[in-house]
Amino acid sequence: MAIEVLVAHQLGQDFPGVRLFESLNLSVAEGEQVAIVGRSGSGKTTLLNLLAGLSLPSQGEVRLCGQAYPHSATARDHWRAGRLGMVFQFHHLLGEFSAQENVALGLQLAGSSKKQAMTQAAEWLERVGLGHRIDHVPAQLSGGERQRVAIARALAPAPPVVLMDEPTGNLDSQTADEIQGLLKTLVREASLALVIVTHDRELAGGADRVLTLSNGQLA
């Protein structure tokens, strides 16, 4: 029986005058790839933030690797480290850090020593085709290169779960195709559970399951 590594149970999310979700459920198994699609404003990014523990639901709970997210933001940060990676549409790299340092930071947060993290970061940047750019800061990289760094940062600690929010949405079509191919290769090699929010039907089509978020429910 497949192990469930990410579970949303009876999620509800309320904003002033609006109920975005009600009794929403999702279960993602080890190594499974799930794409979530839906119209703009349906709550896809809000749902992804709840799955990541970046915010807490109004009702229900999210369990990562068998444990519900703690109420404390600091405790959630500690629980996520090494268990969950994230790739955003806008890479969110640290501008003063080199590509190598950005990737190494995620490894250090997951428990690696600085020396070990820097070595592994260099190896991962080589894997994503940026071995020649490890000393460059984000401002010196193209959009596609910055996204490759973000992917390396998310995958390097070998988390069982990776969440992605429109990872190709800010790229031109050729670069998006390259990133899409890279993602498929790396995620399959590592047997990670992946939840990806996207408007790109082609990207979504590569997942094991495609779910549509509409009227506060996944179907």
C-alpha atoms as a PDB file:
ATOM      1  CA  MET A   1       0.000   0.000   0.000  1.00  0.00           C
ATOM      2  CA  ALA A   2       1.363   3.429  -0.978  1.00  0.00           C
ATOM      3  CA  ILE A   3       2.434   5.681   1.872  1.00  0.00           C
ATOM      4  CA  GLU A   4       0.575   8.984   2.107  1.00  0.00           C
ATOM      5  CA  VAL A   5       3.130  11.774   2.502  1.00  0.00           C
ATOM      6  CA  LEU A   6       0.804  14.785   2.194  1.00  0.00           C
ATOM      7  CA  VAL A   7      -2.818  14.849   3.350  1.00  0.00           C
ATOM      8  CA  ALA A   8      -5.339  17.691   3.486  1.00  0.00           C
ATOM      9  CA  HIS A   9      -8.330  16.734   5.628  1.00  0.00           C
ATOM     10  CA  GLN A  10     -11.613  18.662   5.610  1.00  0.00           C
ATOM     11  CA  LEU A  11      -9.934  21.962   4.808  1.00  0.00           C
ATOM     12  CA  GLY A  12     -11.923  25.144   5.136  1.00  0.00           C
ATOM     13  CA  GLN A  13     -10.599  28.610   4.405  1.00  0.00           C
ATOM     14  CA  ASP A  14     -12.544  31.765   5.155  1.00  0.00           C
ATOM     15  CA  PHE A  15     -11.801  35.368   4.284  1.00  0.00           C
ATOM     16  CA  PRO A  16     -13.994  38.342   5.176  1.00  0.00           C
ATOM     17  CA  GLY A  17     -17.259  37.701   3.384  1.00  0.00           C
ATOM     18  CA  VAL A  18     -15.866  34.769   1.405  1.00  0.00           C
ATOM     19  CA  ARG A  19     -15.598  31.023   2.039  1.00  0.00           C
ATOM     20  CA  LEU A  20     -12.913  29.819  -0.379  1.00  0.00           C
ATOM     21  CA  PHE A  21     -12.801  26.138   0.617  1.00  0.00           C
ATOM     22  CA  GLU A  22     -15.143  23.908   2.569  1.00  0.00           C
ATOM     23  CA  SER A  23     -14.416  20.284   3.517  1.00  0.00           C
ATOM     24  CA  LEU A  24     -11.685  20.004   0.875  1.00  0.00           C
ATOM     25  CA  ASN A  25      -9.695  16.756   0.896  1.00  0.00           C
ATOM     26  CA  LEU A  26      -6.493  15.709  -0.857  1.00  0.00           C
ATOM     27  CA  SER A  27      -4.130  12.783  -0.400  1.00  0.00           C
ATOM     28  CA  VAL A  28      -0.790  12.454  -2.178  1.00  0.00           C
ATOM     29  CA  ALA A  29       1.172   9.213  -2.049  1.00  0.00           C
ATOM     30  CA  GLU A  30       4.908   8.700  -2.022  1.00  0.00           C
ATOM     31  CA  GLY A  31       6.292   9.248  -5.532  1.00  0.00           C
ATOM     32  CA  GLU A  32       2.958  10.460  -6.952  1.00  0.00           C
ATOM     33  CA  GLN A  33       2.654  13.526  -9.164  1.00  0.00           C
ATOM     34  CA  VAL A  34      -0.528  15.593  -8.880  1.00  0.00           C
ATOM     35  CA  ALA A  35      -1.371  18.687 -10.935  1.00  0.00           C
ATOM     36  CA  ILE A  36      -3.989  21.182  -9.782  1.00  0.00           C
ATOM     37  CA  VAL A  37      -5.600  23.404 -12.387  1.00  0.00           C
ATOM     38  CA  GLY A  38      -8.441  25.926 -12.252  1.00  0.00           C
ATOM     39  CA  ARG A  39      -9.466  29.386 -13.274  1.00  0.00           C
ATOM     40  CA  SER A  40      -7.755  32.472 -11.873  1.00  0.00           C
ATOM     41  CA  GLY A  41      -9.162  33.326  -8.463  1.00  0.00           C
ATOM     42  CA  SER A  42     -10.239  29.765  -7.669  1.00  0.00           C
ATOM     43  CA  GLY A  43      -7.752  29.583  -4.783  1.00  0.00           C
ATOM     44  CA  LYS A  44      -4.960  27.431  -6.230  1.00  0.00           C
ATOM     45  CA  THR A  45      -2.110  29.426  -4.714  1.00  0.00           C
ATOM     46  CA  THR A  46      -3.966  29.747  -1.393  1.00  0.00           C
ATOM     47  CA  LEU A  47      -4.360  25.965  -1.337  1.00  0.00           C
ATOM     48  CA  LEU A  48      -0.684  25.465  -2.108  1.00  0.00           C
ATOM     49  CA  ASN A  49       0.259  27.806   0.756  1.00  0.00           C
ATOM     50  CA  LEU A  50      -1.913  25.735   3.111  1.00  0.00           C
ATOM     51  CA  LEU A  51      -0.305  22.504   1.871  1.00  0.00           C
ATOM     52  CA  ALA A  52       3.098  24.059   2.524  1.00  0.00           C
ATOM     53  CA  GLY A  53       2.181  25.220   5.997  1.00  0.00           C
ATOM     54  CA  LEU A  54       2.895  28.837   5.041  1.00  0.00           C
ATOM     55  CA  SER A  55      -0.526  29.598   6.503  1.00  0.00           C
ATOM     56  CA  LEU A  56      -3.080  27.611   8.491  1.00  0.00           C
ATOM     57  CA  PRO A  57      -6.630  26.752   7.388  1.00  0.00           C
ATOM     58  CA  SER A  58      -9.713  28.115   9.094  1.00  0.00           C
ATOM     59  CA  GLN A  59     -10.886  24.517   9.544  1.00  0.00           C
ATOM     60  CA  GLY A  60      -9.346  21.080   9.117  1.00  0.00           C
ATOM     61  CA  GLU A  61      -5.664  20.221   8.955  1.00  0.00           C
ATOM     62  CA  VAL A  62      -2.761  19.389   6.668  1.00  0.00           C
ATOM     63  CA  ARG A  63      -0.431  16.511   7.537  1.00  0.00           C
ATOM     64  CA  LEU A  64       3.079  16.362   6.125  1.00  0.00           C
ATOM     65  CA  CYS A  65       4.846  13.018   6.546  1.00  0.00           C
ATOM     66  CA  GLY A  66       2.251  11.879   9.075  1.00  0.00           C
ATOM     67  CA  GLN A  67       2.225  14.957  11.321  1.00  0.00           C
ATOM     68  CA  ALA A  68      -0.205  17.864  11.298  1.00  0.00           C
ATOM     69  CA  TYR A  69       1.437  21.246  10.941  1.00  0.00           C
ATOM     70  CA  PRO A  70       2.045  22.913  14.314  1.00  0.00           C
ATOM     71  CA  HIS A  71       0.305  26.203  15.062  1.00  0.00           C
ATOM     72  CA  SER A  72       3.592  28.019  15.621  1.00  0.00           C
ATOM     73  CA  ALA A  73       5.134  29.420  12.418  1.00  0.00           C
ATOM     74  CA  THR A  74       8.632  28.701  13.766  1.00  0.00           C
ATOM     75  CA  ALA A  75       7.707  25.095  14.522  1.00  0.00           C
ATOM     76  CA  ARG A  76       6.238  24.734  11.017  1.00  0.00           C
ATOM     77  CA  ASP A  77       9.483  26.040   9.525  1.00  0.00           C
ATOM     78  CA  HIS A  78      11.455  23.405  11.447  1.00  0.00           C
ATOM     79  CA  TRP A  79       9.058  20.609  10.452  1.00  0.00           C
ATOM     80  CA  ARG A  80       9.182  21.563   6.764  1.00  0.00           C
ATOM     81  CA  ALA A  81      12.982  21.640   6.576  1.00  0.00           C
ATOM     82  CA  GLY A  82      14.187  18.580   4.680  1.00  0.00           C
ATOM     83  CA  ARG A  83      10.630  17.248   4.297  1.00  0.00           C
ATOM     84  CA  LEU A  84       9.187  19.698   1.783  1.00  0.00           C
ATOM     85  CA  GLY A  85      10.659  21.692  -1.083  1.00  0.00           C
ATOM     86  CA  MET A  86       8.991  24.593  -2.885  1.00  0.00           C
ATOM     87  CA  VAL A  87       9.425  26.177  -6.302  1.00  0.00           C
ATOM     88  CA  PHE A  88       7.588  29.443  -6.932  1.00  0.00           C
ATOM     89  CA  GLN A  89       6.714  31.255 -10.156  1.00  0.00           C
ATOM     90  CA  PHE A  90       9.027  34.030  -9.011  1.00  0.00           C
ATOM     91  CA  HIS A  91      12.059  32.090  -7.827  1.00  0.00           C
ATOM     92  CA  HIS A  92      12.496  33.904  -4.448  1.00  0.00           C
ATOM     93  CA  LEU A  93      16.259  33.540  -4.466  1.00  0.00           C
ATOM     94  CA  LEU A  94      18.336  35.623  -2.056  1.00  0.00           C
ATOM     95  CA  GLY A  95      19.778  38.410  -4.180  1.00  0.00           C
ATOM     96  CA  GLU A  96      23.043  38.815  -2.280  1.00  0.00           C
ATOM     97  CA  PHE A  97      23.831  35.072  -2.365  1.00  0.00           C
ATOM     98  CA  SER A  98      25.458  33.224  -5.251  1.00  0.00           C
ATOM     99  CA  ALA A  99      23.638  30.379  -6.982  1.00  0.00           C
ATOM    100  CA  GLN A 100      25.720  27.924  -4.966  1.00  0.00           C
ATOM    101  CA  GLU A 101      24.964  29.689  -1.679  1.00  0.00           C
ATOM    102  CA  ASN A 102      21.234  29.807  -2.441  1.00  0.00           C
ATOM    103  CA  VAL A 103      21.127  26.047  -2.989  1.00  0.00           C
ATOM    104  CA  ALA A 104      23.424  25.363  -0.026  1.00  0.00           C
ATOM    105  CA  LEU A 105      21.175  27.337   2.322  1.00  0.00           C
ATOM    106  CA  GLY A 106      18.310  24.873   1.823  1.00  0.00           C
ATOM    107  CA  LEU A 107      20.664  21.991   2.558  1.00  0.00           C
ATOM    108  CA  GLN A 108      21.957  23.650   5.724  1.00  0.00           C
ATOM    109  CA  LEU A 109      18.411  24.248   6.955  1.00  0.00           C
ATOM    110  CA  ALA A 110      17.819  20.521   6.439  1.00  0.00           C
ATOM    111  CA  GLY A 111      20.802  19.686   8.649  1.00  0.00           C
ATOM    112  CA  SER A 112      23.890  19.549   6.423  1.00  0.00           C
ATOM    113  CA  SER A 113      27.155  21.195   7.481  1.00  0.00           C
ATOM    114  CA  LYS A 114      28.177  24.269   5.478  1.00  0.00           C
ATOM    115  CA  LYS A 115      31.031  22.400   3.781  1.00  0.00           C
ATOM    116  CA  GLN A 116      28.836  19.457   2.845  1.00  0.00           C
ATOM    117  CA  ALA A 117      26.054  21.774   1.694  1.00  0.00           C
ATOM    118  CA  MET A 118      28.352  23.764  -0.593  1.00  0.00           C
ATOM    119  CA  THR A 119      29.680  20.556  -2.160  1.00  0.00           C
ATOM    120  CA  GLN A 120      26.191  19.160  -2.754  1.00  0.00           C
ATOM    121  CA  ALA A 121      24.988  22.520  -4.064  1.00  0.00           C
ATOM    122  CA  ALA A 122      27.744  22.547  -6.683  1.00  0.00           C
ATOM    123  CA  GLU A 123      26.791  19.008  -7.720  1.00  0.00           C
ATOM    124  CA  TRP A 124      23.119  19.953  -8.068  1.00  0.00           C
ATOM    125  CA  LEU A 125      23.874  23.059 -10.087  1.00  0.00           C
ATOM    126  CA  GLU A 126      25.879  20.836 -12.417  1.00  0.00           C
ATOM    127  CA  ARG A 127      22.838  18.568 -12.744  1.00  0.00           C
ATOM    128  CA  VAL A 128      20.602  21.453 -13.769  1.00  0.00           C
ATOM    129  CA  GLY A 129      23.135  22.724 -16.290  1.00  0.00           C
ATOM    130  CA  LEU A 130      24.562  25.602 -14.265  1.00  0.00           C
ATOM    131  CA  GLY A 131      27.924  24.241 -13.218  1.00  0.00           C
ATOM    132  CA  HIS A 132      29.577  27.224 -14.918  1.00  0.00           C
ATOM    133  CA  ARG A 133      27.381  29.754 -13.082  1.00  0.00           C
ATOM    134  CA  ILE A 134      27.719  28.724  -9.434  1.00  0.00           C
ATOM    135  CA  ASP A 135      29.378  31.991  -8.378  1.00  0.00           C
ATOM    136  CA  HIS A 136      26.820  34.252 -10.068  1.00  0.00           C
ATOM    137  CA  VAL A 137      24.176  36.100  -8.037  1.00  0.00           C
ATOM    138  CA  PRO A 138      20.544  36.082  -9.267  1.00  0.00           C
ATOM    139  CA  ALA A 139      20.841  39.487 -10.960  1.00  0.00           C
ATOM    140  CA  GLN A 140      23.515  37.985 -13.230  1.00  0.00           C
ATOM    141  CA  LEU A 141      21.297  35.066 -14.292  1.00  0.00           C
ATOM    142  CA  SER A 142      18.495  34.850 -16.838  1.00  0.00           C
ATOM    143  CA  GLY A 143      14.936  34.002 -15.771  1.00  0.00           C
ATOM    144  CA  GLY A 144      15.364  30.394 -16.818  1.00  0.00           C
ATOM    145  CA  GLU A 145      18.675  30.127 -14.993  1.00  0.00           C
ATOM    146  CA  ARG A 146      17.170  31.557 -11.814  1.00  0.00           C
ATOM    147  CA  GLN A 147      14.373  29.006 -12.015  1.00  0.00           C
ATOM    148  CA  ARG A 148      16.939  26.217 -12.445  1.00  0.00           C
ATOM    149  CA  VAL A 149      18.632  27.405  -9.243  1.00  0.00           C
ATOM    150  CA  ALA A 150      15.253  27.398  -7.475  1.00  0.00           C
ATOM    151  CA  ILE A 151      14.612  23.835  -8.654  1.00  0.00           C
ATOM    152  CA  ALA A 152      18.038  22.713  -7.434  1.00  0.00           C
ATOM    153  CA  ARG A 153      17.395  24.402  -4.069  1.00  0.00           C
ATOM    154  CA  ALA A 154      14.064  22.592  -3.668  1.00  0.00           C
ATOM    155  CA  LEU A 155      15.280  19.139  -4.711  1.00  0.00           C
ATOM    156  CA  ALA A 156      18.798  19.052  -3.251  1.00  0.00           C
ATOM    157  CA  PRO A 157      17.757  18.101   0.328  1.00  0.00           C
ATOM    158  CA  ALA A 158      15.822  15.105  -1.160  1.00  0.00           C
ATOM    159  CA  PRO A 159      12.506  16.009   0.485  1.00  0.00           C
ATOM    160  CA  PRO A 160       9.712  13.449   0.115  1.00  0.00           C
ATOM    161  CA  VAL A 161       7.344  16.207  -1.074  1.00  0.00           C
ATOM    162  CA  VAL A 162       7.830  19.101  -3.497  1.00  0.00           C
ATOM    163  CA  LEU A 163       5.246  21.817  -4.196  1.00  0.00           C
ATOM    164  CA  MET A 164       5.424  24.017  -7.284  1.00  0.00           C
ATOM    165  CA  ASP A 165       3.413  27.153  -8.051  1.00  0.00           C
ATOM    166  CA  GLU A 166       3.406  27.958 -11.791  1.00  0.00           C
ATOM    167  CA  PRO A 167       7.103  27.032 -12.176  1.00  0.00           C
ATOM    168  CA  THR A 168       7.093  27.910 -15.894  1.00  0.00           C
ATOM    169  CA  GLY A 169       4.536  30.727 -15.796  1.00  0.00           C
ATOM    170  CA  ASN A 170       7.086  33.550 -15.874  1.00  0.00           C
ATOM    171  CA  LEU A 171       9.202  32.144 -18.716  1.00  0.00           C
ATOM    172  CA  ASP A 172       9.143  32.346 -22.500  1.00  0.00           C
ATOM    173  CA  SER A 173       7.828  29.245 -24.294  1.00  0.00           C
ATOM    174  CA  GLN A 174      11.237  27.804 -25.231  1.00  0.00           C
ATOM    175  CA  THR A 175      12.655  28.234 -21.731  1.00  0.00           C
ATOM    176  CA  ALA A 176       9.423  26.879 -20.237  1.00  0.00           C
ATOM    177  CA  ASP A 177       9.761  23.742 -22.368  1.00  0.00           C
ATOM    178  CA  GLU A 178      13.353  23.281 -21.195  1.00  0.00           C
ATOM    179  CA  ILE A 179      12.376  23.693 -17.531  1.00  0.00           C
ATOM    180  CA  GLN A 180       9.441  21.322 -17.989  1.00  0.00           C
ATOM    181  CA  GLY A 181      11.720  18.613 -19.389  1.00  0.00           C
ATOM    182  CA  LEU A 182      14.232  19.134 -16.585  1.00  0.00           C
ATOM    183  CA  LEU A 183      11.520  18.874 -13.932  1.00  0.00           C
ATOM    184  CA  LYS A 184      10.153  15.635 -15.336  1.00  0.00           C
ATOM    185  CA  THR A 185      13.598  14.066 -15.374  1.00  0.00           C
ATOM    186  CA  LEU A 186      14.675  15.140 -11.893  1.00  0.00           C
ATOM    187  CA  VAL A 187      11.373  14.394 -10.137  1.00  0.00           C
ATOM    188  CA  ARG A 188      11.088  10.935 -11.693  1.00  0.00           C
ATOM    189  CA  GLU A 189      14.704  10.094 -10.829  1.00  0.00           C
ATOM    190  CA  ALA A 190      14.156  11.008  -7.184  1.00  0.00           C
ATOM    191  CA  SER A 191      10.675   9.401  -6.892  1.00  0.00           C
ATOM    192  CA  LEU A 192       9.355  12.521  -5.156  1.00  0.00           C
ATOM    193  CA  ALA A 193       5.740  13.295  -4.452  1.00  0.00           C
ATOM    194  CA  LEU A 194       4.938  16.402  -6.457  1.00  0.00           C
ATOM    195  CA  VAL A 195       1.997  18.794  -6.292  1.00  0.00           C
ATOM    196  CA  ILE A 196       2.076  21.389  -9.036  1.00  0.00           C
ATOM    197  CA  VAL A 197      -0.318  24.299  -9.548  1.00  0.00           C
ATOM    198  CA  THR A 198      -0.352  25.451 -13.148  1.00  0.00           C
ATOM    199  CA  HIS A 199      -2.334  26.991 -15.982  1.00  0.00           C
ATOM    200  CA  ASP A 200      -0.146  25.044 -18.422  1.00  0.00           C
ATOM    201  CA  ARG A 201      -2.230  22.075 -19.556  1.00  0.00           C
ATOM    202  CA  GLU A 202       0.803  20.451 -21.183  1.00  0.00           C
ATOM    203  CA  LEU A 203       2.755  20.616 -17.942  1.00  0.00           C
ATOM    204  CA  ALA A 204      -0.260  19.327 -16.002  1.00  0.00           C
ATOM    205  CA  GLY A 205      -0.712  16.486 -18.496  1.00  0.00           C
ATOM    206  CA  GLY A 206       2.548  14.897 -17.399  1.00  0.00           C
ATOM    207  CA  ALA A 207       1.206  14.271 -13.885  1.00  0.00           C
ATOM    208  CA  ASP A 208      -0.289  11.017 -12.613  1.00  0.00           C
ATOM    209  CA  ARG A 209      -3.480  12.873 -11.672  1.00  0.00           C
ATOM    210  CA  VAL A 210      -4.921  16.180 -12.812  1.00  0.00           C
ATOM    211  CA  LEU A 211      -7.404  17.791 -10.404  1.00  0.00           C
ATOM    212  CA  THR A 212      -9.523  20.861 -11.046  1.00  0.00           C
ATOM    213  CA  LEU A 213     -10.141  23.313  -8.218  1.00  0.00           C
ATOM    214  CA  SER A 214     -13.630  24.769  -8.615  1.00  0.00           C
ATOM    215  CA  ASN A 215     -16.208  26.060  -6.129  1.00  0.00           C
ATOM    216  CA  GLY A 216     -13.928  25.208  -3.222  1.00  0.00           C
ATOM    217  CA  GLN A 217     -13.519  21.540  -4.155  1.00  0.00           C
ATOM    218  CA  LEU A 218     -11.035  19.346  -6.024  1.00  0.00           C
ATOM    219  CA  ALA A 219     -12.436  17.035  -8.690  1.00  0.00           C
END
